[in-house]
Amino acid sequence: MEYTTQSLSKLAKVSPRTLRYYDQIGLLKPIRKSSNGYRIYGQNEVDKLQQILFYKAMGMELETIKQMLEFLTLTSNIVDS
């Protein structure tokens, strides 16, 4: 399933501005932009947003969350190869 910024913000109970900010800082990138410029998110991005919100609720700063998720992705890719 795919989600626009608006629909994902409602699902996750965050503001659309939060999702745009996460895109701006490279924390949560959409899978693509539609022909009308809307950000489109997939299931992997929904899962990643859940992780971001969990770590944020634990008091972690966004930059720390970003670094940790990048590290987890990197190590996962190494294990898979």
N, C-alpha and C. Protein backbone atom coordinates (compact mmCIF):
# COMPACT_ATOMS: atom_id res chain seq x y z
N MET A 1 0.84 -1.18 0.00
CA MET A 1 0.00 0.00 0.00
C MET A 1 0.89 1.25 0.00
N GLU A 2 0.41 2.29 -0.63
CA GLU A 2 1.15 3.55 -0.68
C GLU A 2 0.37 4.63 0.04
N TYR A 3 1.11 5.57 0.60
CA TYR A 3 0.51 6.63 1.39
C TYR A 3 1.05 7.98 0.94
N THR A 4 0.18 8.98 0.89
CA THR A 4 0.63 10.36 0.69
C THR A 4 1.06 10.90 2.05
N THR A 5 1.68 12.06 2.03
CA THR A 5 2.07 12.69 3.29
C THR A 5 0.86 12.85 4.20
N GLN A 6 -0.26 13.29 3.63
CA GLN A 6 -1.47 13.51 4.42
C GLN A 6 -1.98 12.21 5.04
N SER A 7 -2.07 11.16 4.24
CA SER A 7 -2.62 9.91 4.77
C SER A 7 -1.67 9.26 5.78
N LEU A 8 -0.37 9.35 5.55
CA LEU A 8 0.58 8.79 6.52
C LEU A 8 0.58 9.59 7.81
N SER A 9 0.44 10.90 7.71
CA SER A 9 0.41 11.72 8.92
C SER A 9 -0.80 11.36 9.78
N LYS A 10 -1.93 11.10 9.15
CA LYS A 10 -3.13 10.69 9.91
C LYS A 10 -2.93 9.31 10.53
N LEU A 11 -2.36 8.40 9.76
CA LEU A 11 -2.11 7.04 10.26
C LEU A 11 -1.18 7.05 11.47
N ALA A 12 -0.10 7.84 11.38
CA ALA A 12 0.92 7.84 12.43
C ALA A 12 0.67 8.88 13.51
N LYS A 13 -0.36 9.72 13.32
CA LYS A 13 -0.68 10.77 14.28
C LYS A 13 0.48 11.76 14.46
N VAL A 14 1.06 12.15 13.33
CA VAL A 14 2.06 13.21 13.31
C VAL A 14 1.59 14.24 12.27
N SER A 15 2.16 15.41 12.31
CA SER A 15 1.73 16.43 11.36
C SER A 15 2.39 16.21 10.00
N PRO A 16 1.74 16.65 8.94
CA PRO A 16 2.39 16.58 7.62
C PRO A 16 3.73 17.34 7.61
N ARG A 17 3.79 18.42 8.38
CA ARG A 17 5.04 19.19 8.46
C ARG A 17 6.16 18.34 9.03
N THR A 18 5.85 17.49 10.00
CA THR A 18 6.86 16.58 10.57
C THR A 18 7.42 15.67 9.49
N LEU A 19 6.56 15.09 8.67
CA LEU A 19 7.03 14.21 7.60
C LEU A 19 7.87 14.97 6.59
N ARG A 20 7.46 16.19 6.25
CA ARG A 20 8.26 17.00 5.32
C ARG A 20 9.62 17.33 5.92
N TYR A 21 9.64 17.60 7.22
CA TYR A 21 10.91 17.88 7.90
C TYR A 21 11.81 16.65 7.92
N TYR A 22 11.24 15.49 8.21
CA TYR A 22 12.03 14.26 8.19
C TYR A 22 12.62 14.01 6.81
N ASP A 23 11.88 14.34 5.77
CA ASP A 23 12.40 14.23 4.40
C ASP A 23 13.53 15.23 4.20
N GLN A 24 13.33 16.45 4.64
CA GLN A 24 14.32 17.51 4.47
C GLN A 24 15.66 17.16 5.11
N ILE A 25 15.62 16.55 6.29
CA ILE A 25 16.87 16.22 6.99
C ILE A 25 17.40 14.83 6.62
N GLY A 26 16.68 14.12 5.74
CA GLY A 26 17.15 12.81 5.29
C GLY A 26 16.84 11.67 6.23
N LEU A 27 15.93 11.89 7.15
CA LEU A 27 15.59 10.83 8.11
C LEU A 27 14.59 9.84 7.54
N LEU A 28 13.62 10.35 6.80
CA LEU A 28 12.58 9.49 6.21
C LEU A 28 12.26 10.00 4.81
N LYS A 29 12.81 9.35 3.83
CA LYS A 29 12.61 9.75 2.44
C LYS A 29 11.43 8.99 1.84
N PRO A 30 10.61 9.67 1.06
CA PRO A 30 9.52 8.97 0.36
C PRO A 30 10.11 8.06 -0.72
N ILE A 31 9.33 7.06 -1.15
CA ILE A 31 9.82 6.18 -2.21
C ILE A 31 9.83 6.89 -3.56
N ARG A 32 8.94 7.88 -3.69
CA ARG A 32 8.89 8.65 -4.94
C ARG A 32 8.01 9.86 -4.73
N LYS A 33 8.00 10.71 -5.74
CA LYS A 33 7.06 11.84 -5.76
C LYS A 33 6.12 11.62 -6.94
N SER A 34 4.85 11.87 -6.72
CA SER A 34 3.86 11.69 -7.78
C SER A 34 4.01 12.79 -8.82
N SER A 35 3.29 12.66 -9.90
CA SER A 35 3.37 13.64 -10.98
C SER A 35 2.96 15.04 -10.52
N ASN A 36 2.13 15.10 -9.48
CA ASN A 36 1.73 16.41 -8.96
C ASN A 36 2.60 16.87 -7.79
N GLY A 37 3.70 16.15 -7.54
CA GLY A 37 4.67 16.56 -6.53
C GLY A 37 4.43 16.03 -5.13
N TYR A 38 3.40 15.21 -4.94
CA TYR A 38 3.12 14.65 -3.61
C TYR A 38 4.17 13.60 -3.27
N ARG A 39 4.59 13.60 -2.02
CA ARG A 39 5.49 12.56 -1.54
C ARG A 39 4.67 11.28 -1.35
N ILE A 40 5.21 10.16 -1.80
CA ILE A 40 4.54 8.86 -1.68
C ILE A 40 5.43 7.94 -0.84
N TYR A 41 4.82 7.35 0.18
CA TYR A 41 5.53 6.45 1.10
C TYR A 41 4.98 5.05 0.97
N GLY A 42 5.86 4.06 1.11
CA GLY A 42 5.46 2.66 1.07
C GLY A 42 5.51 2.03 2.45
N GLN A 43 5.30 0.72 2.50
CA GLN A 43 5.26 0.01 3.78
C GLN A 43 6.60 0.08 4.52
N ASN A 44 7.72 0.02 3.79
CA ASN A 44 9.02 0.12 4.47
C ASN A 44 9.17 1.45 5.18
N GLU A 45 8.66 2.52 4.56
CA GLU A 45 8.75 3.84 5.17
C GLU A 45 7.82 3.95 6.38
N VAL A 46 6.67 3.29 6.31
CA VAL A 46 5.76 3.25 7.47
C VAL A 46 6.45 2.56 8.63
N ASP A 47 7.10 1.43 8.35
CA ASP A 47 7.83 0.70 9.39
C ASP A 47 8.96 1.55 9.96
N LYS A 48 9.67 2.25 9.10
CA LYS A 48 10.78 3.10 9.55
C LYS A 48 10.24 4.25 10.40
N LEU A 49 9.11 4.81 10.02
CA LEU A 49 8.51 5.89 10.82
C LEU A 49 8.14 5.38 12.20
N GLN A 50 7.64 4.16 12.28
CA GLN A 50 7.32 3.58 13.60
C GLN A 50 8.57 3.52 14.47
N GLN A 51 9.69 3.10 13.86
CA GLN A 51 10.95 3.05 14.61
C GLN A 51 11.36 4.44 15.06
N ILE A 52 11.27 5.41 14.16
CA ILE A 52 11.65 6.79 14.48
C ILE A 52 10.82 7.29 15.66
N LEU A 53 9.52 7.09 15.60
CA LEU A 53 8.64 7.58 16.66
C LEU A 53 8.89 6.86 17.98
N PHE A 54 9.23 5.58 17.91
CA PHE A 54 9.56 4.83 19.13
C PHE A 54 10.80 5.42 19.79
N TYR A 55 11.87 5.58 19.01
CA TYR A 55 13.12 6.11 19.57
C TYR A 55 12.95 7.56 20.03
N LYS A 56 12.14 8.32 19.33
CA LYS A 56 11.88 9.70 19.73
C LYS A 56 11.15 9.72 21.07
N ALA A 57 10.20 8.82 21.25
CA ALA A 57 9.46 8.72 22.52
C ALA A 57 10.39 8.31 23.67
N MET A 58 11.47 7.62 23.32
CA MET A 58 12.45 7.21 24.33
C MET A 58 13.41 8.36 24.67
N GLY A 59 13.23 9.50 23.99
CA GLY A 59 14.05 10.67 24.31
C GLY A 59 15.27 10.86 23.43
N MET A 60 15.41 10.05 22.39
CA MET A 60 16.57 10.19 21.51
C MET A 60 16.40 11.37 20.57
N GLU A 61 17.52 12.03 20.25
CA GLU A 61 17.50 13.14 19.31
C GLU A 61 17.42 12.60 17.88
N LEU A 62 16.86 13.41 16.99
CA LEU A 62 16.67 12.96 15.61
C LEU A 62 17.99 12.60 14.93
N GLU A 63 19.03 13.35 15.17
CA GLU A 63 20.33 13.05 14.54
C GLU A 63 20.85 11.69 15.01
N THR A 64 20.67 11.39 16.28
CA THR A 64 21.09 10.09 16.82
C THR A 64 20.27 8.96 16.20
N ILE A 65 18.97 9.20 16.07
CA ILE A 65 18.09 8.20 15.44
C ILE A 65 18.53 7.96 14.00
N LYS A 66 18.82 9.03 13.28
CA LYS A 66 19.25 8.92 11.89
C LYS A 66 20.52 8.09 11.78
N GLN A 67 21.50 8.38 12.62
CA GLN A 67 22.76 7.64 12.60
C GLN A 67 22.55 6.17 12.94
N MET A 68 21.70 5.91 13.91
CA MET A 68 21.45 4.53 14.32
C MET A 68 20.75 3.75 13.20
N LEU A 69 19.75 4.36 12.58
CA LEU A 69 19.04 3.67 11.49
C LEU A 69 19.96 3.44 10.29
N GLU A 70 20.84 4.39 9.99
CA GLU A 70 21.82 4.20 8.91
C GLU A 70 22.75 3.04 9.24
N PHE A 71 23.20 2.96 10.49
CA PHE A 71 24.07 1.87 10.92
C PHE A 71 23.36 0.53 10.82
N LEU A 72 22.10 0.47 11.26
CA LEU A 72 21.35 -0.78 11.19
C LEU A 72 21.13 -1.22 9.74
N THR A 73 20.88 -0.27 8.86
CA THR A 73 20.72 -0.59 7.43
C THR A 73 22.02 -1.11 6.86
N LEU A 74 23.12 -0.45 7.21
CA LEU A 74 24.43 -0.86 6.71
C LEU A 74 24.78 -2.27 7.18
N THR A 75 24.60 -2.54 8.46
CA THR A 75 24.94 -3.87 8.98
C THR A 75 24.00 -4.93 8.41
N SER A 76 22.75 -4.58 8.19
CA SER A 76 21.81 -5.52 7.61
C SER A 76 22.22 -5.88 6.18
N ASN A 77 22.68 -4.88 5.44
CA ASN A 77 23.13 -5.14 4.06
C ASN A 77 24.38 -6.01 4.03
N ILE A 78 25.25 -5.84 4.99
CA ILE A 78 26.47 -6.65 5.07
C ILE A 78 26.10 -8.10 5.39
N VAL A 79 25.20 -8.30 6.33
CA VAL A 79 24.78 -9.64 6.72
C VAL A 79 24.08 -10.34 5.57
N ASP A 80 23.27 -9.59 4.80
CA ASP A 80 22.53 -10.17 3.68
C ASP A 80 23.42 -10.56 2.51
N SER A 81 24.61 -9.96 2.41
CA SER A 81 25.46 -10.27 1.24
C SER A 81 26.45 -11.37 1.49
